[in-house]
Amino acid sequence: MKMLIEKIGDLNDMIMQNQNVEAFELFYHEDVCTQVNDENPVLGKKLNRKIRRKEREEIIEFRSAKPIKVTFGEQTTMVEWHLNYVHKTKGLRCYTQVAVHQWENGTIIEEKLFYGKQTN
């Protein structure tokens, strides 16, 4: 459990510093499956890497990423985030998101992101 607490703390620190792509390389399994709300899952680190890099390129001003609540259980972590940034085409994005992570052998094998309406 201690290892999981340290890993989620390190992951969150990197996200707060806008190092999402770098954190992805360190903490995600090669066979990771990610899903946003009810969208289709994205399978594998290669495709997820491409999506994350594109997302980062589209952020023209990173304002903040703040963890509001963090919880953990048996190989599972959940973080409620408040995110605030300016997107290239969507403008100001300010919203709360919950990230649910399933860990395997010290890396994230499954990630589900949940969020509602994003405000401008």
Protein backbone atom coordinates (compact mmCIF):
# COMPACT_ATOMS: atom_id res chain seq x y z
CA MET A 1 0.00 0.00 0.00
CA LYS A 2 2.88 2.36 0.81
CA MET A 3 4.26 1.99 -2.74
CA LEU A 4 0.84 2.88 -4.19
CA ILE A 5 0.59 6.00 -2.00
CA GLU A 6 4.05 7.12 -3.13
CA LYS A 7 3.31 6.47 -6.80
CA ILE A 8 0.00 8.36 -6.83
CA GLY A 9 1.70 11.22 -4.98
CA ASP A 10 4.50 11.36 -7.56
CA LEU A 11 2.02 11.09 -10.45
CA ASN A 12 -0.11 13.92 -9.02
CA ASP A 13 2.96 16.12 -8.51
CA MET A 14 3.90 15.72 -12.18
CA ILE A 15 0.35 16.50 -13.35
CA MET A 16 0.30 19.66 -11.21
CA GLN A 17 3.51 20.72 -13.01
CA ASN A 18 1.91 20.10 -16.43
CA GLN A 19 4.11 17.06 -17.03
CA ASN A 20 1.27 14.78 -18.12
CA VAL A 21 3.14 13.21 -21.04
CA GLU A 22 6.23 12.55 -18.91
CA ALA A 23 4.06 11.08 -16.14
CA PHE A 24 2.33 8.86 -18.68
CA GLU A 25 5.68 7.39 -19.73
CA LEU A 26 6.66 6.63 -16.11
CA PHE A 27 3.43 5.37 -14.60
CA TYR A 28 1.39 3.66 -17.34
CA HIS A 29 1.53 0.01 -18.39
CA GLU A 30 2.26 -0.93 -22.04
CA ASP A 31 -1.21 -2.52 -22.28
CA VAL A 32 -3.08 0.36 -20.61
CA CYS A 33 -6.77 0.79 -21.38
CA THR A 34 -8.16 4.31 -20.95
CA GLN A 35 -11.72 5.56 -21.18
CA VAL A 36 -13.31 9.00 -20.89
CA ASN A 37 -16.92 9.01 -19.67
CA ASP A 38 -18.92 6.70 -21.98
CA GLU A 39 -16.59 7.03 -24.98
CA ASN A 40 -14.95 3.97 -26.52
CA PRO A 41 -11.89 2.71 -24.64
CA VAL A 42 -8.41 3.40 -26.05
CA LEU A 43 -6.15 0.35 -25.89
CA GLY A 44 -2.39 0.32 -25.56
CA LYS A 45 0.31 2.77 -24.61
CA LYS A 46 1.25 3.63 -28.20
CA LEU A 47 -2.19 5.00 -29.16
CA ASN A 48 -2.70 6.64 -25.76
CA ARG A 49 0.71 8.32 -26.07
CA LYS A 50 -0.30 9.84 -29.41
CA ILE A 51 -3.56 11.18 -27.93
CA ARG A 52 -1.82 12.67 -24.88
CA ARG A 53 0.82 14.40 -26.96
CA LYS A 54 -1.87 15.92 -29.20
CA GLU A 55 -3.84 17.08 -26.14
CA ARG A 56 -0.74 18.77 -24.72
CA GLU A 57 -0.05 20.55 -28.01
CA GLU A 58 -3.58 21.97 -27.97
CA ILE A 59 -3.19 23.59 -24.55
CA ILE A 60 -1.95 27.11 -25.11
CA GLU A 61 -2.03 28.20 -21.46
CA PHE A 62 -1.83 25.82 -18.51
CA ARG A 63 -3.29 27.54 -15.46
CA SER A 64 -3.62 24.83 -12.85
CA ALA A 65 -4.33 21.22 -11.99
CA LYS A 66 -5.23 20.76 -8.33
CA PRO A 67 -6.06 17.47 -6.64
CA ILE A 68 -9.11 18.01 -4.44
CA LYS A 69 -9.41 14.51 -2.98
CA VAL A 70 -7.25 11.40 -3.25
CA THR A 71 -8.31 7.93 -2.15
CA PHE A 72 -6.83 4.49 -2.56
CA GLY A 73 -7.66 0.87 -1.98
CA GLU A 74 -6.41 -2.51 -3.10
CA GLN A 75 -4.50 -1.66 -6.31
CA THR A 76 -6.93 1.23 -7.00
CA THR A 77 -6.55 5.00 -6.71
CA MET A 78 -9.04 7.78 -7.33
CA VAL A 79 -8.26 11.46 -7.64
CA GLU A 80 -10.77 14.30 -7.94
CA TRP A 81 -9.11 17.10 -9.92
CA HIS A 82 -9.91 20.73 -10.59
CA LEU A 83 -8.45 21.55 -14.02
CA ASN A 84 -8.02 25.01 -15.53
CA TYR A 85 -6.36 25.75 -18.89
CA VAL A 86 -6.85 27.50 -22.22
CA HIS A 87 -7.38 25.22 -25.20
CA LYS A 88 -6.35 26.13 -28.74
CA THR A 89 -9.85 25.75 -30.23
CA LYS A 90 -12.18 25.40 -27.21
CA GLY A 91 -10.99 28.39 -25.22
CA LEU A 92 -10.99 28.45 -21.42
CA ARG A 93 -11.61 25.02 -19.89
CA CYS A 94 -12.32 24.92 -16.17
CA TYR A 95 -13.86 21.77 -14.69
CA THR A 96 -13.71 18.97 -12.14
CA GLN A 97 -12.71 15.47 -13.20
CA VAL A 98 -12.38 12.17 -11.37
CA ALA A 99 -9.59 9.80 -12.44
CA VAL A 100 -9.93 6.15 -11.40
CA HIS A 101 -6.77 4.06 -11.79
CA GLN A 102 -6.31 0.32 -11.56
CA TRP A 103 -2.66 -0.55 -10.89
CA GLU A 104 -0.76 -3.70 -11.85
CA ASN A 105 2.87 -4.33 -10.91
CA GLY A 106 3.44 -0.66 -10.07
CA THR A 107 1.91 0.80 -13.26
CA ILE A 108 -1.56 1.91 -14.31
CA ILE A 109 -3.22 -0.79 -16.40
CA GLU A 110 -6.66 0.87 -16.56
CA GLU A 111 -7.74 4.51 -16.34
CA LYS A 112 -11.27 5.89 -16.38
CA LEU A 113 -11.89 9.64 -16.44
CA PHE A 114 -15.27 11.08 -15.48
CA TYR A 115 -16.38 14.68 -15.84
CA GLY A 116 -19.52 16.63 -16.53
CA LYS A 117 -20.05 19.98 -18.15
CA GLN A 118 -16.95 22.04 -18.75
CA THR A 119 -17.35 25.74 -18.19
CA ASN A 120 -15.82 28.50 -20.25
